[in-house]
Amino acid sequence: MRQAFHTIRVSTHGPGLYEFTEKVAAFAEAEKIGDGLLTCYIRHTSASLLIQENADPDVQRDLKDFFAQLAKKGMDYRYIAEGPDDMPSHIRAALTQTSIGIPVKSGTPALGTWQGLYVFKHRDAPHHRDVLLHFIGD
């Protein structure tokens, strides 16, 4: 059993989905582990991870719009220390995922044909978001 760690930094410029599938695939292939489980974990509380369709950008736009309506800015939140977009971002992150496990077969993430890995950024300002990768297998 072997394991490897790597951090991917994803630059964002506002709310939306930022694909990082190719970086994960390159890491899995380079490690030469073969078969195993690759875990992606985002180390932030106002962003999340999604496996989502990567063929039609309307899917990403509709997700962004839906979550913007679900947790709106301007409500009477108690926590406002980091600005009006922060608490809605925490709510959106709480409703999604901070960690995703992906099976890897022969060094390739076993994603479906139209599946991509995304950082789902919820804050308005540009940021860098770190995704920790942990690959374990034979």
C-alpha atoms as a PDB file:
ATOM      1  CA  MET A   1       0.000   0.000   0.000  1.00  0.00           C
ATOM      2  CA  ARG A   2       1.373   3.410  -1.006  1.00  0.00           C
ATOM      3  CA  GLN A   3       0.099   6.922  -0.501  1.00  0.00           C
ATOM      4  CA  ALA A   4       0.875  10.369  -1.831  1.00  0.00           C
ATOM      5  CA  PHE A   5      -0.167  13.924  -1.049  1.00  0.00           C
ATOM      6  CA  HIS A   6      -0.319  17.005  -3.235  1.00  0.00           C
ATOM      7  CA  THR A   7      -1.929  20.437  -3.030  1.00  0.00           C
ATOM      8  CA  ILE A   8      -3.580  22.110  -5.991  1.00  0.00           C
ATOM      9  CA  ARG A   9      -4.078  25.865  -5.854  1.00  0.00           C
ATOM     10  CA  VAL A  10      -7.123  27.097  -7.766  1.00  0.00           C
ATOM     11  CA  SER A  11      -7.306  30.812  -8.565  1.00  0.00           C
ATOM     12  CA  THR A  12     -10.820  32.244  -8.553  1.00  0.00           C
ATOM     13  CA  HIS A  13     -12.246  35.586  -9.601  1.00  0.00           C
ATOM     14  CA  GLY A  14     -15.688  35.444  -7.953  1.00  0.00           C
ATOM     15  CA  PRO A  15     -18.567  33.038  -7.385  1.00  0.00           C
ATOM     16  CA  GLY A  16     -18.758  30.081  -9.726  1.00  0.00           C
ATOM     17  CA  LEU A  17     -17.344  26.690 -10.596  1.00  0.00           C
ATOM     18  CA  TYR A  18     -13.648  26.276 -11.405  1.00  0.00           C
ATOM     19  CA  GLU A  19     -12.662  22.954 -12.957  1.00  0.00           C
ATOM     20  CA  PHE A  20      -9.482  21.205 -11.831  1.00  0.00           C
ATOM     21  CA  THR A  21     -10.053  17.707 -13.269  1.00  0.00           C
ATOM     22  CA  GLU A  22      -6.938  17.711 -15.459  1.00  0.00           C
ATOM     23  CA  LYS A  23      -4.678  18.597 -12.523  1.00  0.00           C
ATOM     24  CA  VAL A  24      -6.073  15.695 -10.486  1.00  0.00           C
ATOM     25  CA  ALA A  25      -5.666  13.281 -13.399  1.00  0.00           C
ATOM     26  CA  ALA A  26      -2.069  14.406 -13.935  1.00  0.00           C
ATOM     27  CA  PHE A  27      -1.266  13.876 -10.243  1.00  0.00           C
ATOM     28  CA  ALA A  28      -2.847  10.394 -10.195  1.00  0.00           C
ATOM     29  CA  GLU A  29      -0.946   9.339 -13.316  1.00  0.00           C
ATOM     30  CA  ALA A  30       2.393  10.751 -12.123  1.00  0.00           C
ATOM     31  CA  GLU A  31       2.248   8.891  -8.802  1.00  0.00           C
ATOM     32  CA  LYS A  32       2.242   5.476 -10.541  1.00  0.00           C
ATOM     33  CA  ILE A  33       0.143   3.982  -7.753  1.00  0.00           C
ATOM     34  CA  GLY A  34      -2.301   2.307 -10.131  1.00  0.00           C
ATOM     35  CA  ASP A  35      -5.522   1.372  -8.332  1.00  0.00           C
ATOM     36  CA  GLY A  36      -6.791   3.112  -5.231  1.00  0.00           C
ATOM     37  CA  LEU A  37      -8.797   5.957  -3.807  1.00  0.00           C
ATOM     38  CA  LEU A  38      -8.047   9.618  -4.369  1.00  0.00           C
ATOM     39  CA  THR A  39      -9.553  12.041  -1.874  1.00  0.00           C
ATOM     40  CA  CYS A  40      -9.906  15.743  -2.663  1.00  0.00           C
ATOM     41  CA  TYR A  41     -10.363  18.027   0.346  1.00  0.00           C
ATOM     42  CA  ILE A  42     -10.825  21.809   0.201  1.00  0.00           C
ATOM     43  CA  ARG A  43      -9.300  23.681   3.104  1.00  0.00           C
ATOM     44  CA  HIS A  44     -11.741  26.588   3.199  1.00  0.00           C
ATOM     45  CA  THR A  45     -15.110  27.288   4.828  1.00  0.00           C
ATOM     46  CA  SER A  46     -16.606  29.497   2.112  1.00  0.00           C
ATOM     47  CA  ALA A  47     -15.928  27.242  -0.884  1.00  0.00           C
ATOM     48  CA  SER A  48     -16.745  23.623  -1.629  1.00  0.00           C
ATOM     49  CA  LEU A  49     -16.132  20.760  -4.043  1.00  0.00           C
ATOM     50  CA  LEU A  50     -18.447  19.279  -6.653  1.00  0.00           C
ATOM     51  CA  ILE A  51     -18.424  16.536  -9.233  1.00  0.00           C
ATOM     52  CA  GLN A  52     -20.549  18.007 -11.971  1.00  0.00           C
ATOM     53  CA  GLU A  53     -21.214  17.969 -15.699  1.00  0.00           C
ATOM     54  CA  ASN A  54     -18.385  19.534 -17.673  1.00  0.00           C
ATOM     55  CA  ALA A  55     -19.936  19.513 -21.162  1.00  0.00           C
ATOM     56  CA  ASP A  56     -22.440  22.376 -21.007  1.00  0.00           C
ATOM     57  CA  PRO A  57     -21.524  25.585 -19.116  1.00  0.00           C
ATOM     58  CA  ASP A  58     -25.224  26.305 -18.564  1.00  0.00           C
ATOM     59  CA  VAL A  59     -25.179  23.629 -15.855  1.00  0.00           C
ATOM     60  CA  GLN A  60     -22.568  25.596 -13.913  1.00  0.00           C
ATOM     61  CA  ARG A  61     -24.408  28.895 -14.427  1.00  0.00           C
ATOM     62  CA  ASP A  62     -27.696  27.380 -13.226  1.00  0.00           C
ATOM     63  CA  LEU A  63     -26.021  25.911 -10.116  1.00  0.00           C
ATOM     64  CA  LYS A  64     -24.420  29.249  -9.300  1.00  0.00           C
ATOM     65  CA  ASP A  65     -27.760  31.068  -9.737  1.00  0.00           C
ATOM     66  CA  PHE A  66     -29.666  28.491  -7.668  1.00  0.00           C
ATOM     67  CA  PHE A  67     -27.295  28.705  -4.716  1.00  0.00           C
ATOM     68  CA  ALA A  68     -27.280  32.525  -4.916  1.00  0.00           C
ATOM     69  CA  GLN A  69     -31.066  32.441  -4.482  1.00  0.00           C
ATOM     70  CA  LEU A  70     -30.955  29.772  -1.778  1.00  0.00           C
ATOM     71  CA  ALA A  71     -28.556  31.685   0.514  1.00  0.00           C
ATOM     72  CA  LYS A  72     -28.977  35.344  -0.343  1.00  0.00           C
ATOM     73  CA  LYS A  73     -26.837  38.299   0.581  1.00  0.00           C
ATOM     74  CA  GLY A  74     -28.562  41.032   2.542  1.00  0.00           C
ATOM     75  CA  MET A  75     -30.502  38.850   4.953  1.00  0.00           C
ATOM     76  CA  ASP A  76     -30.341  39.652   8.659  1.00  0.00           C
ATOM     77  CA  TYR A  77     -27.299  37.486   9.447  1.00  0.00           C
ATOM     78  CA  ARG A  78     -25.596  37.780  12.820  1.00  0.00           C
ATOM     79  CA  TYR A  79     -22.146  37.098  11.374  1.00  0.00           C
ATOM     80  CA  ILE A  80     -21.129  40.055   9.195  1.00  0.00           C
ATOM     81  CA  ALA A  81     -17.484  40.512  10.264  1.00  0.00           C
ATOM     82  CA  GLU A  82     -16.072  39.596   6.836  1.00  0.00           C
ATOM     83  CA  GLY A  83     -18.667  41.303   4.674  1.00  0.00           C
ATOM     84  CA  PRO A  84     -22.147  40.667   3.294  1.00  0.00           C
ATOM     85  CA  ASP A  85     -21.077  37.758   1.074  1.00  0.00           C
ATOM     86  CA  ASP A  86     -19.369  35.722   3.805  1.00  0.00           C
ATOM     87  CA  MET A  87     -22.286  34.181   5.752  1.00  0.00           C
ATOM     88  CA  PRO A  88     -24.189  33.210   2.583  1.00  0.00           C
ATOM     89  CA  SER A  89     -20.925  31.586   1.416  1.00  0.00           C
ATOM     90  CA  HIS A  90     -20.684  29.564   4.629  1.00  0.00           C
ATOM     91  CA  ILE A  91     -24.277  28.372   4.170  1.00  0.00           C
ATOM     92  CA  ARG A  92     -23.646  27.345   0.553  1.00  0.00           C
ATOM     93  CA  ALA A  93     -20.495  25.473   1.595  1.00  0.00           C
ATOM     94  CA  ALA A  94     -22.410  23.717   4.399  1.00  0.00           C
ATOM     95  CA  LEU A  95     -24.977  22.467   1.876  1.00  0.00           C
ATOM     96  CA  THR A  96     -22.358  21.050  -0.476  1.00  0.00           C
ATOM     97  CA  GLN A  97     -19.124  19.096   0.138  1.00  0.00           C
ATOM     98  CA  THR A  98     -15.653  19.776   1.461  1.00  0.00           C
ATOM     99  CA  SER A  99     -14.351  16.310   0.550  1.00  0.00           C
ATOM    100  CA  ILE A 100     -14.826  13.968  -2.421  1.00  0.00           C
ATOM    101  CA  GLY A 101     -13.513  10.427  -2.849  1.00  0.00           C
ATOM    102  CA  ILE A 102     -12.765   9.233  -6.389  1.00  0.00           C
ATOM    103  CA  PRO A 103     -11.838   5.665  -7.324  1.00  0.00           C
ATOM    104  CA  VAL A 104      -8.687   5.387  -9.423  1.00  0.00           C
ATOM    105  CA  LYS A 105      -8.217   2.482 -11.830  1.00  0.00           C
ATOM    106  CA  SER A 106      -4.884   1.945 -13.610  1.00  0.00           C
ATOM    107  CA  GLY A 107      -3.736   5.459 -12.667  1.00  0.00           C
ATOM    108  CA  THR A 108      -6.839   7.200 -14.054  1.00  0.00           C
ATOM    109  CA  PRO A 109      -9.647   8.742 -11.956  1.00  0.00           C
ATOM    110  CA  ALA A 110     -12.804   6.714 -12.693  1.00  0.00           C
ATOM    111  CA  LEU A 111     -15.011   9.693 -13.522  1.00  0.00           C
ATOM    112  CA  GLY A 112     -17.971   9.431 -15.857  1.00  0.00           C
ATOM    113  CA  THR A 113     -17.869  10.715 -19.423  1.00  0.00           C
ATOM    114  CA  TRP A 114     -19.295  14.151 -18.614  1.00  0.00           C
ATOM    115  CA  GLN A 115     -18.042  14.478 -15.031  1.00  0.00           C
ATOM    116  CA  GLY A 116     -15.553  17.096 -13.919  1.00  0.00           C
ATOM    117  CA  LEU A 117     -14.118  18.123 -10.545  1.00  0.00           C
ATOM    118  CA  TYR A 118     -14.836  21.674  -9.477  1.00  0.00           C
ATOM    119  CA  VAL A 119     -14.074  24.139  -6.749  1.00  0.00           C
ATOM    120  CA  PHE A 120     -17.406  25.844  -6.107  1.00  0.00           C
ATOM    121  CA  LYS A 121     -16.368  29.332  -5.037  1.00  0.00           C
ATOM    122  CA  HIS A 122     -18.983  31.236  -3.023  1.00  0.00           C
ATOM    123  CA  ARG A 123     -17.242  34.539  -2.117  1.00  0.00           C
ATOM    124  CA  ASP A 124     -17.289  37.645  -4.357  1.00  0.00           C
ATOM    125  CA  ALA A 125     -13.613  38.655  -4.202  1.00  0.00           C
ATOM    126  CA  PRO A 126     -10.789  36.856  -6.048  1.00  0.00           C
ATOM    127  CA  HIS A 127      -9.023  34.217  -3.949  1.00  0.00           C
ATOM    128  CA  HIS A 128      -6.701  31.269  -4.169  1.00  0.00           C
ATOM    129  CA  ARG A 129      -8.319  28.060  -2.917  1.00  0.00           C
ATOM    130  CA  ASP A 130      -6.192  25.080  -1.887  1.00  0.00           C
ATOM    131  CA  VAL A 131      -7.382  21.541  -2.566  1.00  0.00           C
ATOM    132  CA  LEU A 132      -5.430  18.822  -0.765  1.00  0.00           C
ATOM    133  CA  LEU A 133      -5.158  15.533  -2.671  1.00  0.00           C
ATOM    134  CA  HIS A 134      -4.525  12.221  -0.897  1.00  0.00           C
ATOM    135  CA  PHE A 135      -4.023   9.150  -3.084  1.00  0.00           C
ATOM    136  CA  ILE A 136      -3.792   5.730  -1.457  1.00  0.00           C
ATOM    137  CA  GLY A 137      -3.574   2.381  -3.203  1.00  0.00           C
ATOM    138  CA  ASP A 138      -1.443  -0.310  -4.799  1.00  0.00           C
END
